[in-house]
Amino acid sequence: MKKIALLLALALLAAPFMANAGQLSSDFRGRVVDAQGQAVPGAVMMVEAIETGRVTRHVANAKGRWHAVGLRSDLTYRVSCYAPGAAVPAVRFQGRVLLGQVHFRNCVIGQVGPHSPAWLSSWQWRQAPGERYVLR
């Protein structure tokens, strides 16, 4: 009886960690819009693994949506958002991903102003103060 109780207690303790068992990656996804909230199809999202230097390119679809799958969760990533045809990113984010999680990185091309939809004000990228490409 004590063995069963001990095994049950161990199983309950391990349950939260087993939810991600076998899952070795994470994803980024998001939308790219202009300052009026309209989709920016063709915008390019570059995802760079800082430690390895591996860069993947993702193009926003007709609805402005993009998705990067299968990212290693033990690395730091730099995600840069480029307007179609631009050589300099509009916004840049750097951070880590959590195992088995989908991380949303939305991008606004252009300056959010008083005539922009109110919901865009919540689309701020989390980044260190002073970073050149942070949307404020």
C-alpha atoms as a PDB file:
ATOM      1  CA  MET A   1       0.000   0.000   0.000  1.00  0.00           C
ATOM      2  CA  LYS A   2       2.867   2.377   0.856  1.00  0.00           C
ATOM      3  CA  LYS A   3       4.506   1.588  -2.512  1.00  0.00           C
ATOM      4  CA  ILE A   4       1.340   2.511  -4.389  1.00  0.00           C
ATOM      5  CA  ALA A   5       0.986   5.764  -2.456  1.00  0.00           C
ATOM      6  CA  LEU A   6       4.640   6.618  -3.141  1.00  0.00           C
ATOM      7  CA  LEU A   7       4.289   5.858  -6.872  1.00  0.00           C
ATOM      8  CA  LEU A   8       1.123   7.927  -7.065  1.00  0.00           C
ATOM      9  CA  ALA A   9       2.832  10.860  -5.318  1.00  0.00           C
ATOM     10  CA  LEU A  10       5.794  10.650  -7.722  1.00  0.00           C
ATOM     11  CA  ALA A  11       3.476  10.511 -10.729  1.00  0.00           C
ATOM     12  CA  LEU A  12       1.624  13.621  -9.537  1.00  0.00           C
ATOM     13  CA  LEU A  13       4.894  15.486  -9.053  1.00  0.00           C
ATOM     14  CA  ALA A  14       6.147  14.546 -12.523  1.00  0.00           C
ATOM     15  CA  ALA A  15       2.882  15.333 -14.378  1.00  0.00           C
ATOM     16  CA  PRO A  16       3.615  19.031 -15.092  1.00  0.00           C
ATOM     17  CA  PHE A  17       6.981  18.131 -16.627  1.00  0.00           C
ATOM     18  CA  MET A  18       5.545  15.349 -18.756  1.00  0.00           C
ATOM     19  CA  ALA A  19       3.251  17.758 -20.624  1.00  0.00           C
ATOM     20  CA  ASN A  20       6.194  18.818 -22.820  1.00  0.00           C
ATOM     21  CA  ALA A  21       7.841  15.405 -22.963  1.00  0.00           C
ATOM     22  CA  GLY A  22       9.136  14.683 -26.440  1.00  0.00           C
ATOM     23  CA  GLN A  23       8.673  18.281 -27.519  1.00  0.00           C
ATOM     24  CA  LEU A  24      12.021  19.889 -28.305  1.00  0.00           C
ATOM     25  CA  SER A  25      11.004  23.061 -30.121  1.00  0.00           C
ATOM     26  CA  SER A  26       8.989  26.251 -30.018  1.00  0.00           C
ATOM     27  CA  ASP A  27       7.403  28.591 -32.564  1.00  0.00           C
ATOM     28  CA  PHE A  28       7.148  32.293 -33.393  1.00  0.00           C
ATOM     29  CA  ARG A  29       4.080  33.644 -35.135  1.00  0.00           C
ATOM     30  CA  GLY A  30       2.412  36.988 -35.586  1.00  0.00           C
ATOM     31  CA  ARG A  31       1.004  39.621 -37.911  1.00  0.00           C
ATOM     32  CA  VAL A  32       2.536  42.519 -39.793  1.00  0.00           C
ATOM     33  CA  VAL A  33       0.320  45.588 -40.262  1.00  0.00           C
ATOM     34  CA  ASP A  34       0.737  49.243 -41.172  1.00  0.00           C
ATOM     35  CA  ALA A  35      -0.061  52.193 -38.893  1.00  0.00           C
ATOM     36  CA  GLN A  36      -3.741  51.980 -39.951  1.00  0.00           C
ATOM     37  CA  GLY A  37      -3.948  48.312 -38.924  1.00  0.00           C
ATOM     38  CA  GLN A  38      -4.037  46.992 -42.506  1.00  0.00           C
ATOM     39  CA  ALA A  39      -2.132  43.789 -43.339  1.00  0.00           C
ATOM     40  CA  VAL A  40       1.269  44.186 -45.020  1.00  0.00           C
ATOM     41  CA  PRO A  41       1.570  41.162 -47.325  1.00  0.00           C
ATOM     42  CA  GLY A  42       5.116  40.495 -48.451  1.00  0.00           C
ATOM     43  CA  ALA A  43       6.711  41.867 -45.274  1.00  0.00           C
ATOM     44  CA  VAL A  44       9.752  39.785 -44.355  1.00  0.00           C
ATOM     45  CA  MET A  45      10.515  38.408 -40.902  1.00  0.00           C
ATOM     46  CA  MET A  46      14.105  37.253 -40.396  1.00  0.00           C
ATOM     47  CA  VAL A  47      14.654  34.880 -37.460  1.00  0.00           C
ATOM     48  CA  GLU A  48      18.306  34.495 -36.436  1.00  0.00           C
ATOM     49  CA  ALA A  49      19.591  32.056 -33.814  1.00  0.00           C
ATOM     50  CA  ILE A  50      22.293  34.153 -32.136  1.00  0.00           C
ATOM     51  CA  GLU A  51      24.435  31.249 -30.896  1.00  0.00           C
ATOM     52  CA  THR A  52      24.483  29.352 -34.201  1.00  0.00           C
ATOM     53  CA  GLY A  53      24.093  32.171 -36.733  1.00  0.00           C
ATOM     54  CA  ARG A  54      21.319  30.240 -38.525  1.00  0.00           C
ATOM     55  CA  VAL A  55      18.870  32.629 -40.206  1.00  0.00           C
ATOM     56  CA  THR A  56      15.441  31.746 -41.578  1.00  0.00           C
ATOM     57  CA  ARG A  57      13.285  34.029 -43.725  1.00  0.00           C
ATOM     58  CA  HIS A  58       9.491  34.176 -43.421  1.00  0.00           C
ATOM     59  CA  VAL A  59       7.186  36.203 -45.673  1.00  0.00           C
ATOM     60  CA  ALA A  60       3.858  37.559 -44.417  1.00  0.00           C
ATOM     61  CA  ASN A  61       0.863  36.217 -46.324  1.00  0.00           C
ATOM     62  CA  ALA A  62      -2.106  38.205 -47.720  1.00  0.00           C
ATOM     63  CA  LYS A  63      -3.481  38.665 -44.185  1.00  0.00           C
ATOM     64  CA  GLY A  64      -0.086  39.798 -42.870  1.00  0.00           C
ATOM     65  CA  ARG A  65       0.418  36.566 -40.925  1.00  0.00           C
ATOM     66  CA  TRP A  66       3.778  34.804 -40.567  1.00  0.00           C
ATOM     67  CA  HIS A  67       4.941  31.664 -38.726  1.00  0.00           C
ATOM     68  CA  ALA A  68       8.354  30.183 -37.864  1.00  0.00           C
ATOM     69  CA  VAL A  69       8.170  26.595 -36.587  1.00  0.00           C
ATOM     70  CA  GLY A  70      10.573  24.180 -34.950  1.00  0.00           C
ATOM     71  CA  LEU A  71      12.861  26.635 -33.142  1.00  0.00           C
ATOM     72  CA  ARG A  72      15.279  25.236 -30.568  1.00  0.00           C
ATOM     73  CA  SER A  73      14.286  26.403 -27.105  1.00  0.00           C
ATOM     74  CA  ASP A  74      17.865  26.538 -25.790  1.00  0.00           C
ATOM     75  CA  LEU A  75      18.880  29.465 -28.034  1.00  0.00           C
ATOM     76  CA  THR A  76      18.463  33.228 -28.136  1.00  0.00           C
ATOM     77  CA  TYR A  77      16.705  34.607 -31.229  1.00  0.00           C
ATOM     78  CA  ARG A  78      16.748  37.942 -33.005  1.00  0.00           C
ATOM     79  CA  VAL A  79      13.546  38.565 -34.963  1.00  0.00           C
ATOM     80  CA  SER A  80      13.662  41.445 -37.451  1.00  0.00           C
ATOM     81  CA  CYS A  81      10.660  42.836 -39.332  1.00  0.00           C
ATOM     82  CA  TYR A  82      11.205  44.390 -42.763  1.00  0.00           C
ATOM     83  CA  ALA A  83       8.699  46.251 -44.914  1.00  0.00           C
ATOM     84  CA  PRO A  84       8.473  44.744 -48.424  1.00  0.00           C
ATOM     85  CA  GLY A  85      11.654  45.685 -50.313  1.00  0.00           C
ATOM     86  CA  ALA A  86      13.278  47.423 -47.319  1.00  0.00           C
ATOM     87  CA  ALA A  87      16.948  46.910 -46.407  1.00  0.00           C
ATOM     88  CA  VAL A  88      16.641  48.150 -42.810  1.00  0.00           C
ATOM     89  CA  PRO A  89      14.282  46.515 -40.290  1.00  0.00           C
ATOM     90  CA  ALA A  90      11.295  48.472 -39.006  1.00  0.00           C
ATOM     91  CA  VAL A  91      11.368  46.595 -35.704  1.00  0.00           C
ATOM     92  CA  ARG A  92      13.782  44.164 -34.078  1.00  0.00           C
ATOM     93  CA  PHE A  93      13.282  41.894 -31.064  1.00  0.00           C
ATOM     94  CA  GLN A  94      15.782  39.709 -29.250  1.00  0.00           C
ATOM     95  CA  GLY A  95      14.923  37.066 -26.670  1.00  0.00           C
ATOM     96  CA  ARG A  96      14.585  33.402 -25.811  1.00  0.00           C
ATOM     97  CA  VAL A  97      11.716  31.024 -26.495  1.00  0.00           C
ATOM     98  CA  LEU A  98      10.214  28.613 -23.989  1.00  0.00           C
ATOM     99  CA  LEU A  99       9.983  24.908 -24.696  1.00  0.00           C
ATOM    100  CA  GLY A 100       6.766  23.942 -26.469  1.00  0.00           C
ATOM    101  CA  GLN A 101       5.389  27.487 -26.543  1.00  0.00           C
ATOM    102  CA  VAL A 102       4.143  29.691 -29.373  1.00  0.00           C
ATOM    103  CA  HIS A 103       5.557  33.207 -29.028  1.00  0.00           C
ATOM    104  CA  PHE A 104       3.689  36.033 -30.752  1.00  0.00           C
ATOM    105  CA  ARG A 105       5.773  38.745 -32.400  1.00  0.00           C
ATOM    106  CA  ASN A 106       3.617  41.295 -34.186  1.00  0.00           C
ATOM    107  CA  CYS A 107       5.064  44.142 -36.204  1.00  0.00           C
ATOM    108  CA  VAL A 108       3.777  47.574 -37.191  1.00  0.00           C
ATOM    109  CA  ILE A 109       5.342  49.080 -40.314  1.00  0.00           C
ATOM    110  CA  GLY A 110       5.230  52.846 -39.830  1.00  0.00           C
ATOM    111  CA  GLN A 111       4.637  55.134 -36.880  1.00  0.00           C
ATOM    112  CA  VAL A 112       1.624  54.526 -34.671  1.00  0.00           C
ATOM    113  CA  GLY A 113      -0.092  57.883 -34.218  1.00  0.00           C
ATOM    114  CA  PRO A 114      -3.339  59.473 -33.087  1.00  0.00           C
ATOM    115  CA  HIS A 115      -5.162  58.237 -36.200  1.00  0.00           C
ATOM    116  CA  SER A 116      -4.026  54.626 -35.738  1.00  0.00           C
ATOM    117  CA  PRO A 117      -6.441  52.032 -34.344  1.00  0.00           C
ATOM    118  CA  ALA A 118      -6.320  51.935 -30.532  1.00  0.00           C
ATOM    119  CA  TRP A 119      -5.549  48.203 -30.495  1.00  0.00           C
ATOM    120  CA  LEU A 120      -2.126  48.854 -32.050  1.00  0.00           C
ATOM    121  CA  SER A 121      -0.938  50.511 -28.841  1.00  0.00           C
ATOM    122  CA  SER A 122      -0.713  47.055 -27.213  1.00  0.00           C
ATOM    123  CA  TRP A 123       1.636  45.819 -29.966  1.00  0.00           C
ATOM    124  CA  GLN A 124       4.881  46.877 -28.337  1.00  0.00           C
ATOM    125  CA  TRP A 125       7.911  44.647 -28.648  1.00  0.00           C
ATOM    126  CA  ARG A 126       9.703  43.777 -25.431  1.00  0.00           C
ATOM    127  CA  GLN A 127      13.323  44.784 -25.775  1.00  0.00           C
ATOM    128  CA  ALA A 128      16.066  46.528 -23.833  1.00  0.00           C
ATOM    129  CA  PRO A 129      15.722  50.339 -23.658  1.00  0.00           C
ATOM    130  CA  GLY A 130      17.872  52.104 -26.209  1.00  0.00           C
ATOM    131  CA  GLU A 131      17.655  49.360 -28.860  1.00  0.00           C
ATOM    132  CA  ARG A 132      17.524  51.155 -32.203  1.00  0.00           C
ATOM    133  CA  TYR A 133      14.676  49.175 -33.742  1.00  0.00           C
ATOM    134  CA  VAL A 134      12.202  49.073 -30.884  1.00  0.00           C
ATOM    135  CA  LEU A 135       8.710  50.275 -31.636  1.00  0.00           C
ATOM    136  CA  ARG A 136       7.621  52.687 -28.905  1.00  0.00           C
END
